[in-house]
Amino acid sequence: MRKPCPFEDAVAAAARSGDWSPELRAHRDGCLSCAELTLVVAALTTDAELLMGATRPLPDPKVIWLRATLATREQQLDRATRAIVWVQRAALAAAAVVGIAFAPGLWGLVRRTFSEVALANPVAGLPRAAGSPLLVLVVSMTILGALALYELTAVREG
């Protein structure tokens, strides 16, 4: 650790004011510590003058607090709903996979199911047709996929 120069306070004051005596100027030119101090004080003085010259009015603290509160709430809402959105996307993807996987056989199943239902008395043939597990699964996944797609693309108001 080096010893401070005894002229540091006088050099700092002269650098701020710009009022240099001949003896102090000669010391500054010969002392490395005081020469560095002069550069630092001059730079800081310039920055301080620029900051003091900028007269922008500060915003109302209530507005700053309100914006910070709203931003915090929005972040918490995003964090809370992130899992829900991923479950909706997974349900949509599962519905798409099931729909693609069973699409070729589904049309035949649907056509056969509705051809067996008598138009004169449609309720009589319905339990046998609706009892197909594959049909129940495909219809359920299609409905869930449509609901998930609606929820993902719905525009929120307010």
Protein backbone atom coordinates (compact mmCIF):
# COMPACT_ATOMS: atom_id res chain seq x y z
CA MET A 1 0.00 0.00 0.00
CA ARG A 2 1.40 3.35 -0.98
CA LYS A 3 1.32 6.50 1.07
CA PRO A 4 -1.09 9.22 -0.05
CA CYS A 5 0.46 12.36 -1.45
CA PRO A 6 0.17 15.32 0.92
CA PHE A 7 -0.96 17.51 -2.00
CA GLU A 8 -3.93 15.30 -3.04
CA ASP A 9 -6.62 17.45 -1.42
CA ALA A 10 -5.22 20.65 -2.93
CA VAL A 11 -4.86 19.00 -6.38
CA ALA A 12 -8.44 17.65 -6.22
CA ALA A 13 -9.80 21.10 -5.30
CA ALA A 14 -7.80 22.76 -8.08
CA ALA A 15 -8.97 20.15 -10.62
CA ARG A 16 -12.61 20.83 -9.68
CA SER A 17 -12.30 24.60 -9.77
CA GLY A 18 -9.72 24.95 -12.53
CA ASP A 19 -7.71 27.39 -10.36
CA TRP A 20 -4.10 26.11 -10.43
CA SER A 21 -1.23 27.85 -8.67
CA PRO A 22 2.17 27.58 -10.40
CA GLU A 23 3.59 25.50 -7.52
CA LEU A 24 0.62 23.08 -7.54
CA ARG A 25 0.79 22.73 -11.33
CA ALA A 26 4.52 21.90 -11.10
CA HIS A 27 3.81 19.30 -8.41
CA ARG A 28 1.01 17.74 -10.47
CA ASP A 29 3.27 17.45 -13.49
CA GLY A 30 5.93 15.66 -11.42
CA CYS A 31 3.70 13.40 -9.25
CA LEU A 32 2.09 10.36 -10.94
CA SER A 33 -0.55 10.00 -8.21
CA CYS A 34 -1.65 13.64 -8.51
CA ALA A 35 -1.65 13.49 -12.32
CA GLU A 36 -4.03 10.48 -12.22
CA LEU A 37 -6.16 12.22 -9.61
CA THR A 38 -6.45 15.27 -11.88
CA LEU A 39 -7.71 13.13 -14.79
CA VAL A 40 -10.28 11.33 -12.63
CA VAL A 41 -11.58 14.51 -10.99
CA ALA A 42 -11.85 16.26 -14.37
CA ALA A 43 -13.84 13.34 -15.84
CA LEU A 44 -16.15 13.14 -12.83
CA THR A 45 -16.67 16.91 -12.83
CA THR A 46 -17.65 16.83 -16.49
CA ASP A 47 -20.10 13.98 -15.87
CA ALA A 48 -21.59 15.80 -12.87
CA GLU A 49 -22.08 18.96 -14.93
CA LEU A 50 -23.83 16.99 -17.67
CA LEU A 51 -26.12 15.32 -15.17
CA MET A 52 -26.94 18.59 -13.46
CA GLY A 53 -27.76 20.17 -16.83
CA ALA A 54 -30.29 17.46 -17.69
CA THR A 55 -33.57 18.75 -16.36
CA ARG A 56 -35.99 15.94 -17.08
CA PRO A 57 -38.84 15.79 -14.61
CA LEU A 58 -39.04 12.62 -12.58
CA PRO A 59 -42.17 10.50 -13.09
CA ASP A 60 -44.78 10.28 -10.38
CA PRO A 61 -43.79 7.58 -7.83
CA LYS A 62 -47.35 6.24 -7.84
CA VAL A 63 -47.08 5.48 -11.54
CA ILE A 64 -43.74 3.72 -11.05
CA TRP A 65 -45.18 1.65 -8.19
CA LEU A 66 -48.31 0.77 -10.19
CA ARG A 67 -46.27 -0.34 -13.21
CA ALA A 68 -44.01 -2.46 -11.02
CA THR A 69 -47.02 -4.05 -9.32
CA LEU A 70 -48.69 -4.82 -12.65
CA ALA A 71 -45.47 -6.29 -14.06
CA THR A 72 -45.10 -8.51 -11.00
CA ARG A 73 -48.69 -9.72 -11.28
CA GLU A 74 -48.25 -10.43 -14.98
CA GLN A 75 -45.12 -12.48 -14.29
CA GLN A 76 -46.92 -14.44 -11.57
CA LEU A 77 -49.88 -15.09 -13.90
CA ASP A 78 -47.55 -16.28 -16.67
CA ARG A 79 -45.75 -18.58 -14.24
CA ALA A 80 -49.04 -19.97 -12.90
CA THR A 81 -50.60 -20.61 -16.30
CA ARG A 82 -47.51 -22.03 -17.99
CA ALA A 83 -48.30 -25.60 -16.85
CA ILE A 84 -51.92 -25.29 -17.94
CA VAL A 85 -50.89 -24.16 -21.41
CA TRP A 86 -48.48 -27.11 -21.74
CA VAL A 87 -51.23 -29.57 -20.71
CA GLN A 88 -53.53 -28.01 -23.31
CA ARG A 89 -50.84 -28.37 -25.97
CA ALA A 90 -50.22 -31.98 -24.95
CA ALA A 91 -53.96 -32.73 -25.18
CA LEU A 92 -54.07 -31.13 -28.62
CA ALA A 93 -51.06 -33.16 -29.75
CA ALA A 94 -52.55 -36.37 -28.34
CA ALA A 95 -55.84 -35.69 -30.10
CA ALA A 96 -53.99 -35.08 -33.36
CA VAL A 97 -51.96 -38.29 -32.99
CA VAL A 98 -55.04 -40.35 -32.18
CA GLY A 99 -56.95 -38.74 -35.03
CA ILE A 100 -54.15 -39.44 -37.52
CA ALA A 101 -53.56 -42.98 -36.26
CA PHE A 102 -57.20 -44.02 -36.36
CA ALA A 103 -58.39 -41.91 -39.30
CA PRO A 104 -58.28 -44.72 -41.92
CA GLY A 105 -60.34 -47.17 -39.84
CA LEU A 106 -62.50 -44.50 -38.24
CA TRP A 107 -64.40 -43.58 -41.36
CA GLY A 108 -65.39 -47.19 -41.96
CA LEU A 109 -66.41 -47.57 -38.31
CA VAL A 110 -68.49 -44.40 -38.37
CA ARG A 111 -70.18 -45.36 -41.66
CA ARG A 112 -70.89 -48.89 -40.41
CA THR A 113 -72.18 -47.57 -37.05
CA PHE A 114 -74.63 -45.16 -38.59
CA SER A 115 -75.75 -47.62 -41.28
CA GLU A 116 -76.81 -50.01 -38.51
CA VAL A 117 -78.99 -47.39 -36.86
CA ALA A 118 -82.49 -47.60 -38.24
CA LEU A 119 -83.82 -44.26 -39.33
CA ALA A 120 -87.34 -45.19 -38.31
CA ASN A 121 -86.28 -45.84 -34.71
CA PRO A 122 -82.72 -44.42 -34.27
CA VAL A 123 -82.65 -44.90 -30.49
CA ALA A 124 -83.04 -48.69 -30.71
CA GLY A 125 -79.68 -49.27 -32.46
CA LEU A 126 -77.78 -46.56 -30.59
CA PRO A 127 -76.57 -48.50 -27.51
CA ARG A 128 -74.90 -51.16 -29.62
CA ALA A 129 -73.23 -48.55 -31.86
CA ALA A 130 -72.18 -46.26 -29.01
CA GLY A 131 -70.70 -49.16 -27.05
CA SER A 132 -67.62 -49.34 -29.29
CA PRO A 133 -64.61 -48.38 -27.11
CA LEU A 134 -62.67 -47.19 -30.11
CA LEU A 135 -65.47 -44.88 -31.17
CA VAL A 136 -65.82 -43.48 -27.65
CA LEU A 137 -62.05 -42.88 -27.43
CA VAL A 138 -61.81 -41.19 -30.80
CA VAL A 139 -64.85 -38.98 -30.24
CA SER A 140 -63.61 -38.02 -26.76
CA MET A 141 -60.12 -37.17 -27.99
CA THR A 142 -61.57 -35.17 -30.88
CA ILE A 143 -63.76 -33.14 -28.54
CA LEU A 144 -60.89 -32.59 -26.07
CA GLY A 145 -58.58 -31.58 -28.91
CA ALA A 146 -61.12 -29.11 -30.25
CA LEU A 147 -61.58 -27.61 -26.78
CA ALA A 148 -57.82 -27.36 -26.27
CA LEU A 149 -57.41 -25.69 -29.66
CA TYR A 150 -60.15 -23.22 -28.79
CA GLU A 151 -58.55 -22.41 -25.42
CA LEU A 152 -55.12 -21.90 -26.96
CA THR A 153 -56.37 -19.58 -29.68
CA ALA A 154 -59.12 -17.71 -27.79
CA VAL A 155 -58.49 -13.99 -27.42
CA ARG A 156 -58.62 -12.88 -23.80
CA GLU A 157 -60.37 -9.60 -23.04
CA GLY A 158 -59.67 -7.35 -20.11
